[in-house]
PDB file of N, CA and C in Angstrom:
ATOM      1  N   MET A   1      -1.759  -4.142   3.676  1.00  0.00           N
ATOM      2  CA  MET A   1      -2.529  -4.768   4.705  1.00  0.00           C
ATOM      3  C   MET A   1      -3.493  -5.738   4.050  1.00  0.00           C
ATOM      4  N   SER A   2      -3.812  -6.769   4.733  1.00  0.00           N
ATOM      5  CA  SER A   2      -4.551  -7.843   4.101  1.00  0.00           C
ATOM      6  C   SER A   2      -6.062  -7.641   4.106  1.00  0.00           C
ATOM      7  N   THR A   3      -6.575  -6.678   4.816  1.00  0.00           N
ATOM      8  CA  THR A   3      -8.014  -6.483   4.858  1.00  0.00           C
ATOM      9  C   THR A   3      -8.360  -5.085   4.399  1.00  0.00           C
ATOM     10  N   ASP A   4      -9.647  -4.839   4.177  1.00  0.00           N
ATOM     11  CA  ASP A   4     -10.095  -3.521   3.761  1.00  0.00           C
ATOM     12  C   ASP A   4     -10.258  -2.565   4.935  1.00  0.00           C
ATOM     13  N   GLU A   5     -10.064  -3.049   6.131  1.00  0.00           N
ATOM     14  CA  GLU A   5     -10.208  -2.207   7.301  1.00  0.00           C
ATOM     15  C   GLU A   5      -8.856  -2.061   7.984  1.00  0.00           C
ATOM     16  N   ALA A   6      -8.720  -0.989   8.743  1.00  0.00           N
ATOM     17  CA  ALA A   6      -7.471  -0.763   9.454  1.00  0.00           C
ATOM     18  C   ALA A   6      -7.199  -1.929  10.386  1.00  0.00           C
ATOM     19  N   CYS A   7      -5.913  -2.303  10.466  1.00  0.00           N
ATOM     20  CA  CYS A   7      -5.579  -3.455  11.303  1.00  0.00           C
ATOM     21  C   CYS A   7      -5.474  -3.056  12.755  1.00  0.00           C
ATOM     22  N   CYS A   8      -5.271  -1.814  12.986  1.00  0.00           N
ATOM     23  CA  CYS A   8      -4.978  -1.423  14.360  1.00  0.00           C
ATOM     24  C   CYS A   8      -5.265   0.056  14.577  1.00  0.00           C
ATOM     25  N   ALA A   9      -5.268   0.446  15.849  1.00  0.00           N
ATOM     26  CA  ALA A   9      -5.490   1.835  16.218  1.00  0.00           C
ATOM     27  C   ALA A   9      -4.268   2.660  15.835  1.00  0.00           C
ATOM     28  N   PRO A  10      -4.435   3.971  15.703  1.00  0.00           N
ATOM     29  CA  PRO A  10      -3.268   4.807  15.423  1.00  0.00           C
ATOM     30  C   PRO A  10      -2.147   4.558  16.436  1.00  0.00           C
ATOM     31  N   LEU A  11      -0.928   4.616  15.954  1.00  0.00           N
ATOM     32  CA  LEU A  11       0.237   4.332  16.800  1.00  0.00           C
ATOM     33  C   LEU A  11       0.268   5.162  18.074  1.00  0.00           C
ATOM     34  N   VAL A  12      -0.243   6.392  18.000  1.00  0.00           N
ATOM     35  CA  VAL A  12      -0.186   7.262  19.170  1.00  0.00           C
ATOM     36  C   VAL A  12      -1.330   6.999  20.143  1.00  0.00           C
ATOM     37  N   SER A  13      -2.287   6.164  19.755  1.00  0.00           N
ATOM     38  CA  SER A  13      -3.426   5.877  20.627  1.00  0.00           C
ATOM     39  C   SER A  13      -3.206   4.677  21.519  1.00  0.00           C
ATOM     40  N   ALA A  14      -2.557   3.666  20.966  1.00  0.00           N
ATOM     41  CA  ALA A  14      -2.336   2.428  21.716  1.00  0.00           C
ATOM     42  C   ALA A  14      -1.155   1.698  21.098  1.00  0.00           C
ATOM     43  N   PRO A  15      -0.418   0.970  21.907  1.00  0.00           N
ATOM     44  CA  PRO A  15       0.702   0.197  21.355  1.00  0.00           C
ATOM     45  C   PRO A  15       0.197  -0.878  20.400  1.00  0.00           C
ATOM     46  N   LEU A  16       0.981  -1.150  19.375  1.00  0.00           N
ATOM     47  CA  LEU A  16       0.648  -2.222  18.446  1.00  0.00           C
ATOM     48  C   LEU A  16       0.855  -3.572  19.111  1.00  0.00           C
ATOM     49  N   GLY A  17      -0.016  -4.512  18.793  1.00  0.00           N
ATOM     50  CA  GLY A  17       0.197  -5.889  19.208  1.00  0.00           C
ATOM     51  C   GLY A  17       1.233  -6.527  18.293  1.00  0.00           C
ATOM     52  N   ALA A  18       1.729  -7.671  18.676  1.00  0.00           N
ATOM     53  CA  ALA A  18       2.774  -8.350  17.901  1.00  0.00           C
ATOM     54  C   ALA A  18       2.299  -8.669  16.483  1.00  0.00           C
ATOM     55  N   ASP A  19       1.099  -9.214  16.342  1.00  0.00           N
ATOM     56  CA  ASP A  19       0.585  -9.561  15.014  1.00  0.00           C
ATOM     57  C   ASP A  19       0.356  -8.306  14.171  1.00  0.00           C
ATOM     58  N   GLU A  20      -0.160  -7.258  14.792  1.00  0.00           N
ATOM     59  CA  GLU A  20      -0.382  -5.999  14.082  1.00  0.00           C
ATOM     60  C   GLU A  20       0.936  -5.406  13.596  1.00  0.00           C
ATOM     61  N   ALA A  21       1.956  -5.488  14.418  1.00  0.00           N
ATOM     62  CA  ALA A  21       3.263  -4.959  14.042  1.00  0.00           C
ATOM     63  C   ALA A  21       3.857  -5.727  12.855  1.00  0.00           C
ATOM     64  N   VAL A  22       3.691  -7.040  12.860  1.00  0.00           N
ATOM     65  CA  VAL A  22       4.196  -7.870  11.752  1.00  0.00           C
ATOM     66  C   VAL A  22       3.483  -7.488  10.457  1.00  0.00           C
ATOM     67  N   GLU A  23       2.167  -7.371  10.523  1.00  0.00           N
ATOM     68  CA  GLU A  23       1.378  -7.032   9.338  1.00  0.00           C
ATOM     69  C   GLU A  23       1.725  -5.639   8.812  1.00  0.00           C
ATOM     70  N   LEU A  24       1.816  -4.675   9.701  1.00  0.00           N
ATOM     71  CA  LEU A  24       2.147  -3.307   9.295  1.00  0.00           C
ATOM     72  C   LEU A  24       3.573  -3.227   8.751  1.00  0.00           C
ATOM     73  N   ALA A  25       4.500  -3.939   9.356  1.00  0.00           N
ATOM     74  CA  ALA A  25       5.890  -3.930   8.885  1.00  0.00           C
ATOM     75  C   ALA A  25       5.994  -4.506   7.474  1.00  0.00           C
ATOM     76  N   ALA A  26       5.249  -5.558   7.182  1.00  0.00           N
ATOM     77  CA  ALA A  26       5.274  -6.148   5.841  1.00  0.00           C
ATOM     78  C   ALA A  26       4.749  -5.153   4.803  1.00  0.00           C
ATOM     79  N   THR A  27       3.693  -4.456   5.151  1.00  0.00           N
ATOM     80  CA  THR A  27       3.142  -3.447   4.240  1.00  0.00           C
ATOM     81  C   THR A  27       4.132  -2.312   4.040  1.00  0.00           C
ATOM     82  N   MET A  28       4.708  -1.838   5.123  1.00  0.00           N
ATOM     83  CA  MET A  28       5.645  -0.723   5.021  1.00  0.00           C
ATOM     84  C   MET A  28       6.928  -1.133   4.293  1.00  0.00           C
ATOM     85  N   LYS A  29       7.328  -2.383   4.446  1.00  0.00           N
ATOM     86  CA  LYS A  29       8.503  -2.870   3.723  1.00  0.00           C
ATOM     87  C   LYS A  29       8.246  -2.803   2.217  1.00  0.00           C
ATOM     88  N   ALA A  30       7.041  -3.173   1.797  1.00  0.00           N
ATOM     89  CA  ALA A  30       6.696  -3.092   0.379  1.00  0.00           C
ATOM     90  C   ALA A  30       6.708  -1.642  -0.100  1.00  0.00           C
ATOM     91  N   LEU A  31       6.287  -0.728   0.746  1.00  0.00           N
ATOM     92  CA  LEU A  31       6.243   0.691   0.385  1.00  0.00           C
ATOM     93  C   LEU A  31       7.602   1.377   0.492  1.00  0.00           C
ATOM     94  N   ALA A  32       8.559   0.751   1.150  1.00  0.00           N
ATOM     95  CA  ALA A  32       9.844   1.397   1.419  1.00  0.00           C
ATOM     96  C   ALA A  32      10.767   1.438   0.205  1.00  0.00           C
ATOM     97  N   ASP A  33      10.386   0.832  -0.877  1.00  0.00           N
ATOM     98  CA  ASP A  33      11.203   0.816  -2.087  1.00  0.00           C
ATOM     99  C   ASP A  33      10.762   1.952  -3.009  1.00  0.00           C
ATOM    100  N   PRO A  34      11.683   2.806  -3.456  1.00  0.00           N
ATOM    101  CA  PRO A  34      11.298   3.940  -4.320  1.00  0.00           C
ATOM    102  C   PRO A  34      10.609   3.514  -5.622  1.00  0.00           C
ATOM    103  N   THR A  35      11.048   2.416  -6.211  1.00  0.00           N
ATOM    104  CA  THR A  35      10.408   1.946  -7.444  1.00  0.00           C
ATOM    105  C   THR A  35       8.977   1.531  -7.171  1.00  0.00           C
ATOM    106  N   ARG A  36       8.745   0.864  -6.054  1.00  0.00           N
ATOM    107  CA  ARG A  36       7.380   0.431  -5.719  1.00  0.00           C
ATOM    108  C   ARG A  36       6.480   1.622  -5.435  1.00  0.00           C
ATOM    109  N   LEU A  37       7.022   2.628  -4.783  1.00  0.00           N
ATOM    110  CA  LEU A  37       6.224   3.836  -4.553  1.00  0.00           C
ATOM    111  C   LEU A  37       5.839   4.484  -5.882  1.00  0.00           C
ATOM    112  N   ARG A  38       6.791   4.545  -6.812  1.00  0.00           N
ATOM    113  CA  ARG A  38       6.494   5.107  -8.137  1.00  0.00           C
ATOM    114  C   ARG A  38       5.442   4.273  -8.846  1.00  0.00           C
ATOM    115  N   LEU A  39       5.586   2.960  -8.807  1.00  0.00           N
ATOM    116  CA  LEU A  39       4.613   2.095  -9.465  1.00  0.00           C
ATOM    117  C   LEU A  39       3.221   2.265  -8.871  1.00  0.00           C
ATOM    118  N   LEU A  40       3.140   2.333  -7.562  1.00  0.00           N
ATOM    119  CA  LEU A  40       1.858   2.549  -6.892  1.00  0.00           C
ATOM    120  C   LEU A  40       1.232   3.860  -7.357  1.00  0.00           C
ATOM    121  N   SER A  41       2.039   4.894  -7.421  1.00  0.00           N
ATOM    122  CA  SER A  41       1.573   6.202  -7.871  1.00  0.00           C
ATOM    123  C   SER A  41       1.152   6.174  -9.339  1.00  0.00           C
ATOM    124  N   LEU A  42       1.936   5.503 -10.171  1.00  0.00           N
ATOM    125  CA  LEU A  42       1.596   5.402 -11.590  1.00  0.00           C
ATOM    126  C   LEU A  42       0.283   4.663 -11.807  1.00  0.00           C
ATOM    127  N   VAL A  43       0.086   3.576 -11.083  1.00  0.00           N
ATOM    128  CA  VAL A  43      -1.167   2.825 -11.205  1.00  0.00           C
ATOM    129  C   VAL A  43      -2.332   3.685 -10.737  1.00  0.00           C
ATOM    130  N   ALA A  44      -2.181   4.331  -9.608  1.00  0.00           N
ATOM    131  CA  ALA A  44      -3.263   5.154  -9.056  1.00  0.00           C
ATOM    132  C   ALA A  44      -3.628   6.305  -9.993  1.00  0.00           C
ATOM    133  N   ALA A  45      -2.641   6.889 -10.643  1.00  0.00           N
ATOM    134  CA  ALA A  45      -2.872   8.040 -11.509  1.00  0.00           C
ATOM    135  C   ALA A  45      -3.239   7.652 -12.942  1.00  0.00           C
ATOM    136  N   HIS A  46      -3.132   6.385 -13.276  1.00  0.00           N
ATOM    137  CA  HIS A  46      -3.400   5.939 -14.646  1.00  0.00           C
ATOM    138  C   HIS A  46      -4.881   6.074 -14.970  1.00  0.00           C
ATOM    139  N   GLU A  47      -5.165   6.342 -16.234  1.00  0.00           N
ATOM    140  CA  GLU A  47      -6.547   6.479 -16.685  1.00  0.00           C
ATOM    141  C   GLU A  47      -7.362   5.246 -16.305  1.00  0.00           C
ATOM    142  N   GLY A  48      -8.485   5.461 -15.688  1.00  0.00           N
ATOM    143  CA  GLY A  48      -9.343   4.362 -15.261  1.00  0.00           C
ATOM    144  C   GLY A  48      -8.938   3.740 -13.944  1.00  0.00           C
ATOM    145  N   GLY A  49      -7.852   4.216 -13.349  1.00  0.00           N
ATOM    146  CA  GLY A  49      -7.426   3.711 -12.046  1.00  0.00           C
ATOM    147  C   GLY A  49      -6.792   2.335 -12.084  1.00  0.00           C
ATOM    148  N   GLU A  50      -6.431   1.873 -13.281  1.00  0.00           N
ATOM    149  CA  GLU A  50      -5.745   0.600 -13.395  1.00  0.00           C
ATOM    150  C   GLU A  50      -4.739   0.697 -14.536  1.00  0.00           C
ATOM    151  N   ALA A  51      -3.714  -0.137 -14.468  1.00  0.00           N
ATOM    152  CA  ALA A  51      -2.671  -0.101 -15.490  1.00  0.00           C
ATOM    153  C   ALA A  51      -2.171  -1.500 -15.780  1.00  0.00           C
ATOM    154  N   CYS A  52      -1.809  -1.692 -17.018  1.00  0.00           N
ATOM    155  CA  CYS A  52      -1.193  -2.938 -17.462  1.00  0.00           C
ATOM    156  C   CYS A  52       0.309  -2.830 -17.197  1.00  0.00           C
ATOM    157  N   VAL A  53       0.942  -3.943 -16.916  1.00  0.00           N
ATOM    158  CA  VAL A  53       2.385  -3.931 -16.694  1.00  0.00           C
ATOM    159  C   VAL A  53       3.099  -3.321 -17.891  1.00  0.00           C
ATOM    160  N   CYS A  54       2.543  -3.505 -19.087  1.00  0.00           N
ATOM    161  CA  CYS A  54       3.156  -2.945 -20.294  1.00  0.00           C
ATOM    162  C   CYS A  54       3.142  -1.416 -20.287  1.00  0.00           C
ATOM    163  N   ASP A  55       2.247  -0.797 -19.525  1.00  0.00           N
ATOM    164  CA  ASP A  55       2.182   0.661 -19.416  1.00  0.00           C
ATOM    165  C   ASP A  55       3.165   1.212 -18.388  1.00  0.00           C
ATOM    166  N   LEU A  56       3.761   0.339 -17.591  1.00  0.00           N
ATOM    167  CA  LEU A  56       4.560   0.788 -16.453  1.00  0.00           C
ATOM    168  C   LEU A  56       6.067   0.647 -16.661  1.00  0.00           C
ATOM    169  N   THR A  57       6.490  -0.157 -17.614  1.00  0.00           N
ATOM    170  CA  THR A  57       7.930  -0.385 -17.788  1.00  0.00           C
ATOM    171  C   THR A  57       8.646   0.875 -18.255  1.00  0.00           C
ATOM    172  N   GLY A  58       8.068   1.579 -19.210  1.00  0.00           N
ATOM    173  CA  GLY A  58       8.694   2.796 -19.732  1.00  0.00           C
ATOM    174  C   GLY A  58       8.901   3.872 -18.683  1.00  0.00           C
ATOM    175  N   PRO A  59       7.855   4.248 -17.956  1.00  0.00           N
ATOM    176  CA  PRO A  59       8.008   5.323 -16.969  1.00  0.00           C
ATOM    177  C   PRO A  59       9.049   5.051 -15.877  1.00  0.00           C
ATOM    178  N   VAL A  60       9.232   3.803 -15.494  1.00  0.00           N
ATOM    179  CA  VAL A  60      10.217   3.513 -14.441  1.00  0.00           C
ATOM    180  C   VAL A  60      11.563   3.087 -15.009  1.00  0.00           C
ATOM    181  N   GLY A  61      11.610   2.852 -16.326  1.00  0.00           N
ATOM    182  CA  GLY A  61      12.874   2.518 -16.973  1.00  0.00           C
ATOM    183  C   GLY A  61      13.443   1.163 -16.581  1.00  0.00           C
ATOM    184  N   LEU A  62      12.561   0.222 -16.300  1.00  0.00           N
ATOM    185  CA  LEU A  62      12.992  -1.126 -15.917  1.00  0.00           C
ATOM    186  C   LEU A  62      12.368  -2.150 -16.849  1.00  0.00           C
ATOM    187  N   SER A  63      12.958  -3.333 -16.883  1.00  0.00           N
ATOM    188  CA  SER A  63      12.438  -4.400 -17.733  1.00  0.00           C
ATOM    189  C   SER A  63      11.109  -4.922 -17.192  1.00  0.00           C
ATOM    190  N   GLN A  64      10.355  -5.588 -18.067  1.00  0.00           N
ATOM    191  CA  GLN A  64       9.064  -6.129 -17.664  1.00  0.00           C
ATOM    192  C   GLN A  64       9.185  -7.121 -16.512  1.00  0.00           C
ATOM    193  N   PRO A  65      10.167  -8.039 -16.511  1.00  0.00           N
ATOM    194  CA  PRO A  65      10.264  -8.964 -15.377  1.00  0.00           C
ATOM    195  C   PRO A  65      10.536  -8.249 -14.049  1.00  0.00           C
ATOM    196  N   THR A  66      11.342  -7.203 -14.084  1.00  0.00           N
ATOM    197  CA  THR A  66      11.641  -6.457 -12.855  1.00  0.00           C
ATOM    198  C   THR A  66      10.411  -5.711 -12.364  1.00  0.00           C
ATOM    199  N   VAL A  67       9.688  -5.077 -13.275  1.00  0.00           N
ATOM    200  CA  VAL A  67       8.456  -4.371 -12.899  1.00  0.00           C
ATOM    201  C   VAL A  67       7.437  -5.371 -12.354  1.00  0.00           C
ATOM    202  N   SER A  68       7.313  -6.514 -13.003  1.00  0.00           N
ATOM    203  CA  SER A  68       6.372  -7.537 -12.524  1.00  0.00           C
ATOM    204  C   SER A  68       6.733  -8.008 -11.113  1.00  0.00           C
ATOM    205  N   HIS A  69       8.023  -8.144 -10.837  1.00  0.00           N
ATOM    206  CA  HIS A  69       8.471  -8.531  -9.492  1.00  0.00           C
ATOM    207  C   HIS A  69       8.017  -7.498  -8.456  1.00  0.00           C
ATOM    208  N   HIS A  70       8.244  -6.216  -8.757  1.00  0.00           N
ATOM    209  CA  HIS A  70       7.840  -5.160  -7.820  1.00  0.00           C
ATOM    210  C   HIS A  70       6.318  -5.124  -7.648  1.00  0.00           C
ATOM    211  N   LEU A  71       5.589  -5.297  -8.738  1.00  0.00           N
ATOM    212  CA  LEU A  71       4.133  -5.311  -8.649  1.00  0.00           C
ATOM    213  C   LEU A  71       3.641  -6.495  -7.819  1.00  0.00           C
ATOM    214  N   LYS A  72       4.290  -7.643  -7.940  1.00  0.00           N
ATOM    215  CA  LYS A  72       3.921  -8.804  -7.134  1.00  0.00           C
ATOM    216  C   LYS A  72       4.097  -8.508  -5.646  1.00  0.00           C
ATOM    217  N   LYS A  73       5.173  -7.825  -5.294  1.00  0.00           N
ATOM    218  CA  LYS A  73       5.393  -7.453  -3.888  1.00  0.00           C
ATOM    219  C   LYS A  73       4.262  -6.555  -3.388  1.00  0.00           C
ATOM    220  N   LEU A  74       3.810  -5.628  -4.227  1.00  0.00           N
ATOM    221  CA  LEU A  74       2.718  -4.738  -3.839  1.00  0.00           C
ATOM    222  C   LEU A  74       1.387  -5.492  -3.739  1.00  0.00           C
ATOM    223  N   VAL A  75       1.175  -6.458  -4.622  1.00  0.00           N
ATOM    224  CA  VAL A  75      -0.029  -7.297  -4.540  1.00  0.00           C
ATOM    225  C   VAL A  75       0.022  -8.145  -3.278  1.00  0.00           C
ATOM    226  N   ASP A  76       1.171  -8.761  -3.005  1.00  0.00           N
ATOM    227  CA  ASP A  76       1.319  -9.607  -1.817  1.00  0.00           C
ATOM    228  C   ASP A  76       1.104  -8.813  -0.527  1.00  0.00           C
ATOM    229  N   ALA A  77       1.468  -7.530  -0.551  1.00  0.00           N
ATOM    230  CA  ALA A  77       1.270  -6.667   0.620  1.00  0.00           C
ATOM    231  C   ALA A  77      -0.168  -6.163   0.720  1.00  0.00           C
ATOM    232  N   GLY A  78      -0.994  -6.484  -0.274  1.00  0.00           N
ATOM    233  CA  GLY A  78      -2.397  -6.072  -0.238  1.00  0.00           C
ATOM    234  C   GLY A  78      -2.644  -4.660  -0.725  1.00  0.00           C
ATOM    235  N   LEU A  79      -1.652  -4.045  -1.352  1.00  0.00           N
ATOM    236  CA  LEU A  79      -1.789  -2.654  -1.796  1.00  0.00           C
ATOM    237  C   LEU A  79      -2.338  -2.533  -3.215  1.00  0.00           C
ATOM    238  N   LEU A  80      -2.169  -3.579  -4.017  1.00  0.00           N
ATOM    239  CA  LEU A  80      -2.688  -3.610  -5.380  1.00  0.00           C
ATOM    240  C   LEU A  80      -3.497  -4.884  -5.589  1.00  0.00           C
ATOM    241  N   THR A  81      -4.415  -4.828  -6.539  1.00  0.00           N
ATOM    242  CA  THR A  81      -5.079  -6.028  -7.015  1.00  0.00           C
ATOM    243  C   THR A  81      -4.507  -6.346  -8.388  1.00  0.00           C
ATOM    244  N   ARG A  82      -4.609  -7.607  -8.791  1.00  0.00           N
ATOM    245  CA  ARG A  82      -4.099  -8.046 -10.090  1.00  0.00           C
ATOM    246  C   ARG A  82      -5.191  -8.839 -10.779  1.00  0.00           C
ATOM    247  N   GLU A  83      -5.429  -8.504 -12.046  1.00  0.00           N
ATOM    248  CA  GLU A  83      -6.412  -9.224 -12.850  1.00  0.00           C
ATOM    249  C   GLU A  83      -5.761  -9.617 -14.165  1.00  0.00           C
ATOM    250  N   GLN A  84      -5.777 -10.898 -14.462  1.00  0.00           N
ATOM    251  CA  GLN A  84      -5.204 -11.404 -15.702  1.00  0.00           C
ATOM    252  C   GLN A  84      -6.231 -11.259 -16.819  1.00  0.00           C
ATOM    253  N   ARG A  85      -5.830 -10.619 -17.914  1.00  0.00           N
ATOM    254  CA  ARG A  85      -6.691 -10.477 -19.099  1.00  0.00           C
ATOM    255  C   ARG A  85      -5.878 -10.931 -20.299  1.00  0.00           C
ATOM    256  N   GLY A  86      -6.117 -12.122 -20.733  1.00  0.00           N
ATOM    257  CA  GLY A  86      -5.320 -12.679 -21.816  1.00  0.00           C
ATOM    258  C   GLY A  86      -3.886 -12.852 -21.347  1.00  0.00           C
ATOM    259  N   VAL A  87      -2.959 -12.291 -22.110  1.00  0.00           N
ATOM    260  CA  VAL A  87      -1.544 -12.417 -21.745  1.00  0.00           C
ATOM    261  C   VAL A  87      -1.085 -11.291 -20.824  1.00  0.00           C
ATOM    262  N   TRP A  88      -1.928 -10.279 -20.620  1.00  0.00           N
ATOM    263  CA  TRP A  88      -1.527  -9.127 -19.823  1.00  0.00           C
ATOM    264  C   TRP A  88      -2.157  -9.144 -18.435  1.00  0.00           C
ATOM    265  N   ALA A  89      -1.410  -8.623 -17.477  1.00  0.00           N
ATOM    266  CA  ALA A  89      -1.921  -8.462 -16.115  1.00  0.00           C
ATOM    267  C   ALA A  89      -2.209  -6.980 -15.886  1.00  0.00           C
ATOM    268  N   PHE A  90      -3.361  -6.693 -15.326  1.00  0.00           N
ATOM    269  CA  PHE A  90      -3.755  -5.323 -15.013  1.00  0.00           C
ATOM    270  C   PHE A  90      -3.794  -5.157 -13.496  1.00  0.00           C
ATOM    271  N   TYR A  91      -3.347  -4.010 -13.039  1.00  0.00           N
ATOM    272  CA  TYR A  91      -3.226  -3.728 -11.614  1.00  0.00           C
ATOM    273  C   TYR A  91      -4.057  -2.510 -11.247  1.00  0.00           C
ATOM    274  N   ALA A  92      -4.624  -2.533 -10.054  1.00  0.00           N
ATOM    275  CA  ALA A  92      -5.390  -1.408  -9.518  1.00  0.00           C
ATOM    276  C   ALA A  92      -5.032  -1.255  -8.042  1.00  0.00           C
ATOM    277  N   VAL A  93      -5.087  -0.020  -7.570  1.00  0.00           N
ATOM    278  CA  VAL A  93      -4.763   0.275  -6.171  1.00  0.00           C
ATOM    279  C   VAL A  93      -5.936  -0.115  -5.288  1.00  0.00           C
ATOM    280  N   ARG A  94      -5.635  -0.730  -4.168  1.00  0.00           N
ATOM    281  CA  ARG A  94      -6.641  -1.023  -3.144  1.00  0.00           C
ATOM    282  C   ARG A  94      -6.659   0.187  -2.203  1.00  0.00           C
ATOM    283  N   THR A  95      -7.528   1.133  -2.499  1.00  0.00           N
ATOM    284  CA  THR A  95      -7.548   2.377  -1.728  1.00  0.00           C
ATOM    285  C   THR A  95      -7.839   2.131  -0.253  1.00  0.00           C
ATOM    286  N   ALA A  96      -8.623   1.111   0.051  1.00  0.00           N
ATOM    287  CA  ALA A  96      -8.905   0.806   1.458  1.00  0.00           C
ATOM    288  C   ALA A  96      -7.631   0.412   2.193  1.00  0.00           C
ATOM    289  N   ALA A  97      -6.749  -0.327   1.513  1.00  0.00           N
ATOM    290  CA  ALA A  97      -5.492  -0.736   2.145  1.00  0.00           C
ATOM    291  C   ALA A  97      -4.595   0.474   2.386  1.00  0.00           C
ATOM    292  N   LEU A  98      -4.544   1.390   1.427  1.00  0.00           N
ATOM    293  CA  LEU A  98      -3.758   2.607   1.635  1.00  0.00           C
ATOM    294  C   LEU A  98      -4.346   3.438   2.772  1.00  0.00           C
ATOM    295  N   GLY A  99      -5.660   3.497   2.819  1.00  0.00           N
ATOM    296  CA  GLY A  99      -6.324   4.222   3.896  1.00  0.00           C
ATOM    297  C   GLY A  99      -6.028   3.618   5.258  1.00  0.00           C
ATOM    298  N   ALA A 100      -5.943   2.291   5.307  1.00  0.00           N
ATOM    299  CA  ALA A 100      -5.641   1.616   6.570  1.00  0.00           C
ATOM    300  C   ALA A 100      -4.241   1.971   7.054  1.00  0.00           C
ATOM    301  N   VAL A 101      -3.279   2.029   6.130  1.00  0.00           N
ATOM    302  CA  VAL A 101      -1.916   2.425   6.506  1.00  0.00           C
ATOM    303  C   VAL A 101      -1.922   3.864   7.006  1.00  0.00           C
ATOM    304  N   ALA A 102      -2.614   4.734   6.295  1.00  0.00           N
ATOM    305  CA  ALA A 102      -2.692   6.140   6.701  1.00  0.00           C
ATOM    306  C   ALA A 102      -3.351   6.286   8.067  1.00  0.00           C
ATOM    307  N   ASP A 103      -4.382   5.502   8.310  1.00  0.00           N
ATOM    308  CA  ASP A 103      -5.085   5.584   9.596  1.00  0.00           C
ATOM    309  C   ASP A 103      -4.180   5.205  10.765  1.00  0.00           C
ATOM    310  N   VAL A 104      -3.343   4.201  10.565  1.00  0.00           N
ATOM    311  CA  VAL A 104      -2.435   3.773  11.630  1.00  0.00           C
ATOM    312  C   VAL A 104      -1.424   4.875  11.945  1.00  0.00           C
ATOM    313  N   LEU A 105      -0.997   5.578  10.919  1.00  0.00           N
ATOM    314  CA  LEU A 105       0.026   6.612  11.102  1.00  0.00           C
ATOM    315  C   LEU A 105      -0.550   7.961  11.507  1.00  0.00           C
ATOM    316  N   ARG A 106      -1.843   8.121  11.324  1.00  0.00           N
ATOM    317  CA  ARG A 106      -2.485   9.411  11.575  1.00  0.00           C
ATOM    318  C   ARG A 106      -2.531   9.718  13.072  1.00  0.00           C
ATOM    319  N   ASP A 107      -2.221  10.956  13.378  1.00  0.00           N
ATOM    320  CA  ASP A 107      -2.328  11.449  14.747  1.00  0.00           C
ATOM    321  C   ASP A 107      -3.799  11.762  15.006  1.00  0.00           C
ATOM    322  N   PRO A 108      -4.367  11.326  16.128  1.00  0.00           N
ATOM    323  CA  PRO A 108      -5.772  11.654  16.408  1.00  0.00           C
ATOM    324  C   PRO A 108      -5.971  13.166  16.456  1.00  0.00           C
ATOM    325  N   ALA A 109      -7.183  13.575  16.214  1.00  0.00           N
ATOM    326  CA  ALA A 109      -7.496  15.001  16.205  1.00  0.00           C
ATOM    327  C   ALA A 109      -7.161  15.627  17.555  1.00  0.00           C
ATOM    328  N   PRO A 110      -6.569  16.816  17.545  1.00  0.00           N
ATOM    329  CA  PRO A 110      -6.281  17.499  18.810  1.00  0.00           C
ATOM    330  C   PRO A 110      -7.560  17.678  19.633  1.00  0.00           C
ATOM    331  N   GLY A 111      -7.432  17.527  20.928  1.00  0.00           N
ATOM    332  CA  GLY A 111      -8.570  17.722  21.815  1.00  0.00           C
ATOM    333  C   GLY A 111      -9.368  16.460  22.084  1.00  0.00           C
ATOM    334  N   THR A 112      -9.058  15.371  21.385  1.00  0.00           N
ATOM    335  CA  THR A 112      -9.777  14.129  21.654  1.00  0.00           C
ATOM    336  C   THR A 112      -9.108  13.413  22.813  1.00  0.00           C
ATOM    337  N   ALA A 113      -9.803  12.494  23.394  1.00  0.00           N
ATOM    338  CA  ALA A 113      -9.243  11.746  24.524  1.00  0.00           C
ATOM    339  C   ALA A 113      -8.007  10.981  24.107  1.00  0.00           C
ATOM    340  N   GLN A 114      -7.984  10.481  22.854  1.00  0.00           N
ATOM    341  CA  GLN A 114      -6.833   9.737  22.372  1.00  0.00           C
ATOM    342  C   GLN A 114      -5.610  10.623  22.207  1.00  0.00           C
ATOM    343  N   ALA A 115      -5.821  11.902  21.957  1.00  0.00           N
ATOM    344  CA  ALA A 115      -4.686  12.806  21.722  1.00  0.00           C
ATOM    345  C   ALA A 115      -4.084  13.296  23.046  1.00  0.00           C
ATOM    346  N   ALA A 116      -4.764  13.073  24.158  1.00  0.00           N
ATOM    347  CA  ALA A 116      -4.270  13.542  25.442  1.00  0.00           C
ATOM    348  C   ALA A 116      -2.998  12.799  25.836  1.00  0.00           C
ATOM    349  N   SER A 117      -2.077  13.526  26.406  1.00  0.00           N
ATOM    350  CA  SER A 117      -0.796  12.937  26.798  1.00  0.00           C
ATOM    351  C   SER A 117      -0.926  12.322  28.189  1.00  0.00           C
ATOM    352  N   ASN A 118      -0.231  11.222  28.401  1.00  0.00           N
ATOM    353  CA  ASN A 118      -0.208  10.601  29.720  1.00  0.00           C
ATOM    354  C   ASN A 118       0.896  11.155  30.585  1.00  0.00           C
ATOM    355  N   CYS A 119       1.693  12.042  30.061  1.00  0.00           N
ATOM    356  CA  CYS A 119       2.823  12.601  30.823  1.00  0.00           C
ATOM    357  C   CYS A 119       2.404  13.816  31.619  1.00  0.00           C
TER     358      CYS A 119
END
């Protein structure tokens, strides 16, 4: 997601608008790849909360250009940040963006007005 705040209300609370659906679909498309999910997890779990592309090629068993391609998709989706330091690029998870995705998918707490069924 492109912002630090949730783009929309939870799916069960209100229908998504067209723009919200496009934005959420782009984020979910980036997350739908198993390699990208692993990379996201590796970056998040890496010491200091950031990782160099050189630290990620071995664990996923892919070449540096392929890993860089997947990381670019995650950056473009707003899930990672990228900082160039000399010849190396370092990546960190945008926890707010992950939280926004989780918030959209989260079911409201039972007993709230949003959780009430219209049926």
